[in-house]
Amino acid sequence: MRSTARPGLSGTGVAVLGGAIGLVASILAELLTGGLGWVFGLSFVLISAYCAAEVSPKAMRSAVVMPPLVALLVAAVNPLWSGETAGIRGWLVKMLTTLTTMAPTLLVATAVAAAIVGVRIWRAKRA
């Protein structure tokens, strides 16, 4: 049970925390490995799990919705950091390519968040 003194993250808190960590992890991944590899993937799954575990009961849906939105944000910003774009068309192609290659990581992060939220809901109904 969560105490009333510490109710958890709000939906806005989940979005801001997930977005900030996702962007920082994508920048670090680009600097360290030259692409969105394991550095981003591990950080993304961990922040998705943390947000799902710490979100308030009233905003649990936001923890499951956050990973796809952060993935879209990272895919939109990543071509700007990598410097591989040539105009709007190049940016759009790179964004769609990044989303496609991030699909397995996105699936794992969303599944982990959904499982944690599901267990929390199940435990709350049993109590």
N, C-alpha and C. Protein backbone atom coordinates (compact mmCIF):
# COMPACT_ATOMS: atom_id res chain seq x y z
N MET A 1 0.83 -1.19 0.00
CA MET A 1 0.00 0.00 0.00
C MET A 1 0.87 1.24 0.00
N ARG A 2 0.43 2.24 -0.68
CA ARG A 2 1.14 3.50 -0.77
C ARG A 2 0.56 4.45 0.27
N SER A 3 1.42 5.16 0.95
CA SER A 3 0.95 6.08 1.97
C SER A 3 0.31 7.31 1.34
N THR A 4 -0.56 7.97 2.07
CA THR A 4 -1.19 9.18 1.55
C THR A 4 -0.21 10.35 1.57
N ALA A 5 0.84 10.25 2.35
CA ALA A 5 1.85 11.31 2.37
C ALA A 5 2.66 11.31 1.08
N ARG A 6 2.77 10.15 0.44
CA ARG A 6 3.52 10.03 -0.81
C ARG A 6 2.63 9.33 -1.83
N PRO A 7 1.74 10.09 -2.49
CA PRO A 7 0.76 9.45 -3.36
C PRO A 7 1.31 8.93 -4.68
N GLY A 8 2.48 9.35 -5.10
CA GLY A 8 3.06 8.88 -6.36
C GLY A 8 3.10 9.97 -7.41
N LEU A 9 3.59 9.60 -8.57
CA LEU A 9 3.71 10.54 -9.68
C LEU A 9 2.35 10.83 -10.30
N SER A 10 2.16 12.05 -10.71
CA SER A 10 0.94 12.38 -11.46
C SER A 10 1.15 12.00 -12.92
N GLY A 11 0.12 12.11 -13.70
CA GLY A 11 0.24 11.83 -15.13
C GLY A 11 1.23 12.77 -15.80
N THR A 12 1.21 14.03 -15.41
CA THR A 12 2.15 15.00 -15.94
C THR A 12 3.57 14.67 -15.50
N GLY A 13 3.72 14.23 -14.25
CA GLY A 13 5.03 13.85 -13.75
C GLY A 13 5.61 12.68 -14.52
N VAL A 14 4.78 11.71 -14.85
CA VAL A 14 5.22 10.56 -15.64
C VAL A 14 5.68 11.02 -17.02
N ALA A 15 4.93 11.90 -17.64
CA ALA A 15 5.29 12.39 -18.98
C ALA A 15 6.58 13.18 -18.96
N VAL A 16 6.73 14.07 -17.97
CA VAL A 16 7.93 14.90 -17.90
C VAL A 16 9.15 14.05 -17.57
N LEU A 17 9.03 13.17 -16.58
CA LEU A 17 10.16 12.33 -16.19
C LEU A 17 10.55 11.37 -17.33
N GLY A 18 9.58 10.71 -17.91
CA GLY A 18 9.86 9.80 -19.01
C GLY A 18 10.45 10.51 -20.22
N GLY A 19 9.89 11.66 -20.55
CA GLY A 19 10.41 12.42 -21.69
C GLY A 19 11.82 12.94 -21.47
N ALA A 20 12.07 13.45 -20.28
CA ALA A 20 13.40 14.00 -19.98
C ALA A 20 14.46 12.90 -19.97
N ILE A 21 14.17 11.80 -19.29
CA ILE A 21 15.14 10.70 -19.24
C ILE A 21 15.32 10.10 -20.63
N GLY A 22 14.25 9.97 -21.39
CA GLY A 22 14.35 9.44 -22.74
C GLY A 22 15.21 10.30 -23.65
N LEU A 23 15.03 11.61 -23.58
CA LEU A 23 15.84 12.50 -24.41
C LEU A 23 17.31 12.49 -23.99
N VAL A 24 17.56 12.54 -22.69
CA VAL A 24 18.95 12.50 -22.22
C VAL A 24 19.60 11.17 -22.60
N ALA A 25 18.87 10.07 -22.45
CA ALA A 25 19.43 8.76 -22.81
C ALA A 25 19.70 8.67 -24.31
N SER A 26 18.84 9.27 -25.12
CA SER A 26 19.07 9.22 -26.57
C SER A 26 20.29 10.05 -26.96
N ILE A 27 20.49 11.18 -26.30
CA ILE A 27 21.67 12.01 -26.59
C ILE A 27 22.94 11.28 -26.15
N LEU A 28 22.90 10.69 -24.95
CA LEU A 28 24.06 9.93 -24.48
C LEU A 28 24.35 8.74 -25.39
N ALA A 29 23.32 8.05 -25.83
CA ALA A 29 23.51 6.91 -26.72
C ALA A 29 24.15 7.35 -28.03
N GLU A 30 23.71 8.47 -28.58
CA GLU A 30 24.31 8.98 -29.82
C GLU A 30 25.78 9.34 -29.61
N LEU A 31 26.09 9.95 -28.46
CA LEU A 31 27.46 10.35 -28.20
C LEU A 31 28.37 9.15 -27.93
N LEU A 32 27.86 8.15 -27.20
CA LEU A 32 28.69 7.01 -26.81
C LEU A 32 28.80 5.94 -27.89
N THR A 33 27.67 5.62 -28.52
CA THR A 33 27.67 4.49 -29.45
C THR A 33 27.37 4.88 -30.90
N GLY A 34 27.00 6.10 -31.14
CA GLY A 34 26.70 6.52 -32.51
C GLY A 34 25.33 6.12 -32.99
N GLY A 35 24.45 5.73 -32.11
CA GLY A 35 23.09 5.35 -32.48
C GLY A 35 22.29 4.99 -31.24
N LEU A 36 21.03 4.70 -31.45
CA LEU A 36 20.17 4.31 -30.33
C LEU A 36 20.32 2.82 -30.09
N GLY A 37 21.27 2.46 -29.31
CA GLY A 37 21.53 1.05 -29.03
C GLY A 37 21.13 0.67 -27.63
N TRP A 38 21.96 -0.13 -27.01
CA TRP A 38 21.65 -0.67 -25.69
C TRP A 38 21.61 0.41 -24.61
N VAL A 39 22.36 1.49 -24.78
CA VAL A 39 22.37 2.56 -23.78
C VAL A 39 20.97 3.16 -23.67
N PHE A 40 20.39 3.47 -24.81
CA PHE A 40 19.03 4.02 -24.79
C PHE A 40 18.01 2.96 -24.40
N GLY A 41 18.14 1.77 -24.96
CA GLY A 41 17.15 0.72 -24.70
C GLY A 41 17.04 0.37 -23.23
N LEU A 42 18.16 0.20 -22.57
CA LEU A 42 18.15 -0.13 -21.14
C LEU A 42 17.56 1.00 -20.32
N SER A 43 17.97 2.23 -20.61
CA SER A 43 17.43 3.39 -19.89
C SER A 43 15.93 3.53 -20.11
N PHE A 44 15.49 3.29 -21.33
CA PHE A 44 14.08 3.44 -21.68
C PHE A 44 13.21 2.41 -20.95
N VAL A 45 13.66 1.17 -20.92
CA VAL A 45 12.90 0.13 -20.23
C VAL A 45 12.88 0.40 -18.72
N LEU A 46 14.01 0.82 -18.17
CA LEU A 46 14.08 1.09 -16.73
C LEU A 46 13.21 2.27 -16.32
N ILE A 47 13.20 3.34 -17.11
CA ILE A 47 12.38 4.49 -16.74
C ILE A 47 10.90 4.17 -16.93
N SER A 48 10.57 3.33 -17.88
CA SER A 48 9.17 2.91 -18.05
C SER A 48 8.72 2.08 -16.85
N ALA A 49 9.58 1.19 -16.38
CA ALA A 49 9.26 0.37 -15.21
C ALA A 49 9.15 1.24 -13.96
N TYR A 50 10.06 2.19 -13.80
CA TYR A 50 10.01 3.07 -12.63
C TYR A 50 8.74 3.90 -12.61
N CYS A 51 8.38 4.48 -13.73
CA CYS A 51 7.16 5.30 -13.79
C CYS A 51 5.92 4.45 -13.51
N ALA A 52 5.89 3.22 -14.01
CA ALA A 52 4.75 2.35 -13.75
C ALA A 52 4.67 1.97 -12.29
N ALA A 53 5.80 1.83 -11.63
CA ALA A 53 5.81 1.46 -10.22
C ALA A 53 5.49 2.63 -9.31
N GLU A 54 5.79 3.84 -9.73
CA GLU A 54 5.64 5.01 -8.86
C GLU A 54 4.46 5.91 -9.20
N VAL A 55 3.71 5.61 -10.23
CA VAL A 55 2.59 6.47 -10.61
C VAL A 55 1.47 6.33 -9.58
N SER A 56 0.75 7.40 -9.38
CA SER A 56 -0.37 7.36 -8.43
C SER A 56 -1.49 6.49 -8.98
N PRO A 57 -2.30 5.92 -8.11
CA PRO A 57 -3.39 5.06 -8.58
C PRO A 57 -4.36 5.74 -9.54
N LYS A 58 -4.53 7.04 -9.41
CA LYS A 58 -5.46 7.76 -10.28
C LYS A 58 -4.92 7.97 -11.69
N ALA A 59 -3.61 7.84 -11.86
CA ALA A 59 -2.99 8.15 -13.15
C ALA A 59 -2.25 6.95 -13.74
N MET A 60 -2.69 5.74 -13.42
CA MET A 60 -1.97 4.55 -13.88
C MET A 60 -1.96 4.38 -15.39
N ARG A 61 -2.98 4.87 -16.05
CA ARG A 61 -3.01 4.75 -17.52
C ARG A 61 -1.87 5.50 -18.17
N SER A 62 -1.47 6.61 -17.55
CA SER A 62 -0.40 7.41 -18.15
C SER A 62 0.92 6.66 -18.20
N ALA A 63 1.15 5.73 -17.28
CA ALA A 63 2.39 4.96 -17.29
C ALA A 63 2.45 3.99 -18.47
N VAL A 64 1.31 3.55 -18.94
CA VAL A 64 1.27 2.64 -20.09
C VAL A 64 1.31 3.42 -21.40
N VAL A 65 0.80 4.63 -21.40
CA VAL A 65 0.78 5.46 -22.60
C VAL A 65 2.12 6.17 -22.80
N MET A 66 2.87 6.36 -21.72
CA MET A 66 4.12 7.12 -21.80
C MET A 66 5.17 6.51 -22.73
N PRO A 67 5.45 5.21 -22.72
CA PRO A 67 6.52 4.70 -23.59
C PRO A 67 6.33 4.98 -25.09
N PRO A 68 5.14 4.77 -25.66
CA PRO A 68 5.00 5.12 -27.09
C PRO A 68 5.18 6.61 -27.37
N LEU A 69 4.70 7.46 -26.47
CA LEU A 69 4.85 8.89 -26.69
C LEU A 69 6.30 9.33 -26.58
N VAL A 70 7.03 8.78 -25.63
CA VAL A 70 8.45 9.11 -25.49
C VAL A 70 9.23 8.58 -26.70
N ALA A 71 8.87 7.41 -27.19
CA ALA A 71 9.53 6.87 -28.38
C ALA A 71 9.31 7.79 -29.58
N LEU A 72 8.11 8.31 -29.73
CA LEU A 72 7.83 9.24 -30.82
C LEU A 72 8.64 10.53 -30.65
N LEU A 73 8.73 11.03 -29.42
CA LEU A 73 9.51 12.24 -29.15
C LEU A 73 11.00 12.01 -29.46
N VAL A 74 11.52 10.89 -29.02
CA VAL A 74 12.94 10.58 -29.27
C VAL A 74 13.18 10.39 -30.76
N ALA A 75 12.28 9.72 -31.45
CA ALA A 75 12.44 9.52 -32.89
C ALA A 75 12.38 10.84 -33.65
N ALA A 76 11.61 11.79 -33.14
CA ALA A 76 11.51 13.09 -33.81
C ALA A 76 12.74 13.96 -33.55
N VAL A 77 13.33 13.83 -32.37
CA VAL A 77 14.47 14.68 -32.01
C VAL A 77 15.80 14.04 -32.40
N ASN A 78 15.88 12.72 -32.41
CA ASN A 78 17.13 12.03 -32.67
C ASN A 78 17.78 12.41 -34.01
N PRO A 79 17.04 12.55 -35.09
CA PRO A 79 17.71 12.94 -36.35
C PRO A 79 18.39 14.31 -36.25
N LEU A 80 17.89 15.17 -35.39
CA LEU A 80 18.51 16.49 -35.23
C LEU A 80 19.86 16.37 -34.52
N TRP A 81 19.95 15.45 -33.55
CA TRP A 81 21.21 15.25 -32.82
C TRP A 81 22.23 14.51 -33.66
N SER A 82 21.77 13.56 -34.44
CA SER A 82 22.71 12.76 -35.22
C SER A 82 23.24 13.50 -36.43
N GLY A 83 22.53 14.55 -36.87
CA GLY A 83 22.98 15.36 -37.99
C GLY A 83 22.89 14.66 -39.33
N GLU A 84 22.00 13.70 -39.47
CA GLU A 84 21.89 12.93 -40.71
C GLU A 84 20.70 13.35 -41.56
N THR A 85 20.18 14.52 -41.35
CA THR A 85 18.99 14.92 -42.09
C THR A 85 19.34 15.95 -43.16
N ALA A 86 18.57 15.92 -44.22
CA ALA A 86 18.70 16.90 -45.29
C ALA A 86 17.30 17.40 -45.61
N GLY A 87 16.86 18.39 -44.90
CA GLY A 87 15.55 18.95 -45.13
C GLY A 87 14.45 18.18 -44.41
N ILE A 88 13.23 18.60 -44.64
CA ILE A 88 12.06 18.00 -43.99
C ILE A 88 11.89 16.55 -44.41
N ARG A 89 12.07 16.28 -45.68
CA ARG A 89 11.89 14.91 -46.17
C ARG A 89 12.91 13.95 -45.53
N GLY A 90 14.16 14.38 -45.45
CA GLY A 90 15.19 13.56 -44.83
C GLY A 90 14.92 13.34 -43.35
N TRP A 91 14.44 14.39 -42.67
CA TRP A 91 14.09 14.26 -41.25
C TRP A 91 12.94 13.27 -41.07
N LEU A 92 11.93 13.36 -41.91
CA LEU A 92 10.78 12.46 -41.81
C LEU A 92 11.19 11.01 -42.06
N VAL A 93 12.02 10.77 -43.06
CA VAL A 93 12.48 9.42 -43.36
C VAL A 93 13.31 8.88 -42.19
N LYS A 94 14.20 9.70 -41.65
CA LYS A 94 15.03 9.26 -40.52
C LYS A 94 14.16 9.01 -39.28
N MET A 95 13.14 9.83 -39.05
CA MET A 95 12.24 9.64 -37.91
C MET A 95 11.48 8.32 -38.04
N LEU A 96 10.96 8.03 -39.22
CA LEU A 96 10.23 6.78 -39.42
C LEU A 96 11.15 5.58 -39.33
N THR A 97 12.38 5.72 -39.82
CA THR A 97 13.35 4.64 -39.70
C THR A 97 13.71 4.38 -38.24
N THR A 98 13.88 5.44 -37.47
CA THR A 98 14.19 5.31 -36.05
C THR A 98 13.04 4.64 -35.32
N LEU A 99 11.82 5.02 -35.63
CA LEU A 99 10.66 4.39 -35.00
C LEU A 99 10.59 2.90 -35.33
N THR A 100 10.92 2.56 -36.55
CA THR A 100 10.89 1.16 -36.97
C THR A 100 11.96 0.35 -36.24
N THR A 101 13.15 0.89 -36.13
CA THR A 101 14.22 0.15 -35.46
C THR A 101 14.05 0.12 -33.94
N MET A 102 13.30 1.07 -33.39
CA MET A 102 13.03 1.10 -31.95
C MET A 102 11.85 0.23 -31.56
N ALA A 103 11.17 -0.38 -32.51
CA ALA A 103 9.94 -1.13 -32.22
C ALA A 103 10.13 -2.23 -31.18
N PRO A 104 11.17 -3.06 -31.24
CA PRO A 104 11.31 -4.09 -30.21
C PRO A 104 11.51 -3.50 -28.81
N THR A 105 12.33 -2.46 -28.71
CA THR A 105 12.55 -1.80 -27.42
C THR A 105 11.26 -1.19 -26.92
N LEU A 106 10.51 -0.57 -27.81
CA LEU A 106 9.24 0.03 -27.43
C LEU A 106 8.25 -1.03 -26.96
N LEU A 107 8.22 -2.16 -27.62
CA LEU A 107 7.33 -3.25 -27.23
C LEU A 107 7.69 -3.76 -25.83
N VAL A 108 8.96 -3.95 -25.57
CA VAL A 108 9.39 -4.44 -24.25
C VAL A 108 9.07 -3.41 -23.18
N ALA A 109 9.37 -2.13 -23.42
CA ALA A 109 9.11 -1.09 -22.42
C ALA A 109 7.62 -0.97 -22.12
N THR A 110 6.78 -1.01 -23.14
CA THR A 110 5.34 -0.92 -22.93
C THR A 110 4.80 -2.15 -22.23
N ALA A 111 5.31 -3.32 -22.58
CA ALA A 111 4.86 -4.56 -21.91
C ALA A 111 5.26 -4.58 -20.45
N VAL A 112 6.46 -4.12 -20.13
CA VAL A 112 6.91 -4.06 -18.73
C VAL A 112 6.03 -3.09 -17.94
N ALA A 113 5.78 -1.92 -18.51
CA ALA A 113 4.93 -0.94 -17.83
C ALA A 113 3.51 -1.48 -17.64
N ALA A 114 2.96 -2.11 -18.66
CA ALA A 114 1.60 -2.66 -18.56
C ALA A 114 1.54 -3.78 -17.54
N ALA A 115 2.57 -4.61 -17.48
CA ALA A 115 2.59 -5.70 -16.49
C ALA A 115 2.64 -5.15 -15.07
N ILE A 116 3.48 -4.15 -14.85
CA ILE A 116 3.58 -3.56 -13.50
C ILE A 116 2.27 -2.90 -13.11
N VAL A 117 1.67 -2.15 -14.02
CA VAL A 117 0.39 -1.51 -13.72
C VAL A 117 -0.69 -2.57 -13.49
N GLY A 118 -0.69 -3.63 -14.29
CA GLY A 118 -1.66 -4.71 -14.11
C GLY A 118 -1.54 -5.37 -12.75
N VAL A 119 -0.32 -5.64 -12.32
CA VAL A 119 -0.11 -6.24 -11.00
C VAL A 119 -0.56 -5.29 -9.90
N ARG A 120 -0.26 -4.01 -10.07
CA ARG A 120 -0.69 -3.04 -9.05
C ARG A 120 -2.22 -2.96 -8.95
N ILE A 121 -2.89 -2.99 -10.09
CA ILE A 121 -4.36 -2.96 -10.08
C ILE A 121 -4.90 -4.24 -9.45
N TRP A 122 -4.33 -5.37 -9.82
CA TRP A 122 -4.78 -6.65 -9.27
C TRP A 122 -4.59 -6.68 -7.75
N ARG A 123 -3.45 -6.21 -7.27
CA ARG A 123 -3.20 -6.20 -5.82
C ARG A 123 -4.14 -5.25 -5.10
N ALA A 124 -4.47 -4.12 -5.74
CA ALA A 124 -5.39 -3.17 -5.12
C ALA A 124 -6.79 -3.73 -5.01
N LYS A 125 -7.20 -4.51 -6.00
CA LYS A 125 -8.54 -5.12 -5.95
C LYS A 125 -8.62 -6.22 -4.92
N ARG A 126 -7.51 -6.92 -4.70
CA ARG A 126 -7.49 -7.99 -3.69
C ARG A 126 -7.49 -7.45 -2.27
N ALA A 127 -6.94 -6.28 -2.08
CA ALA A 127 -6.83 -5.72 -0.72
C ALA A 127 -8.12 -5.15 -0.20
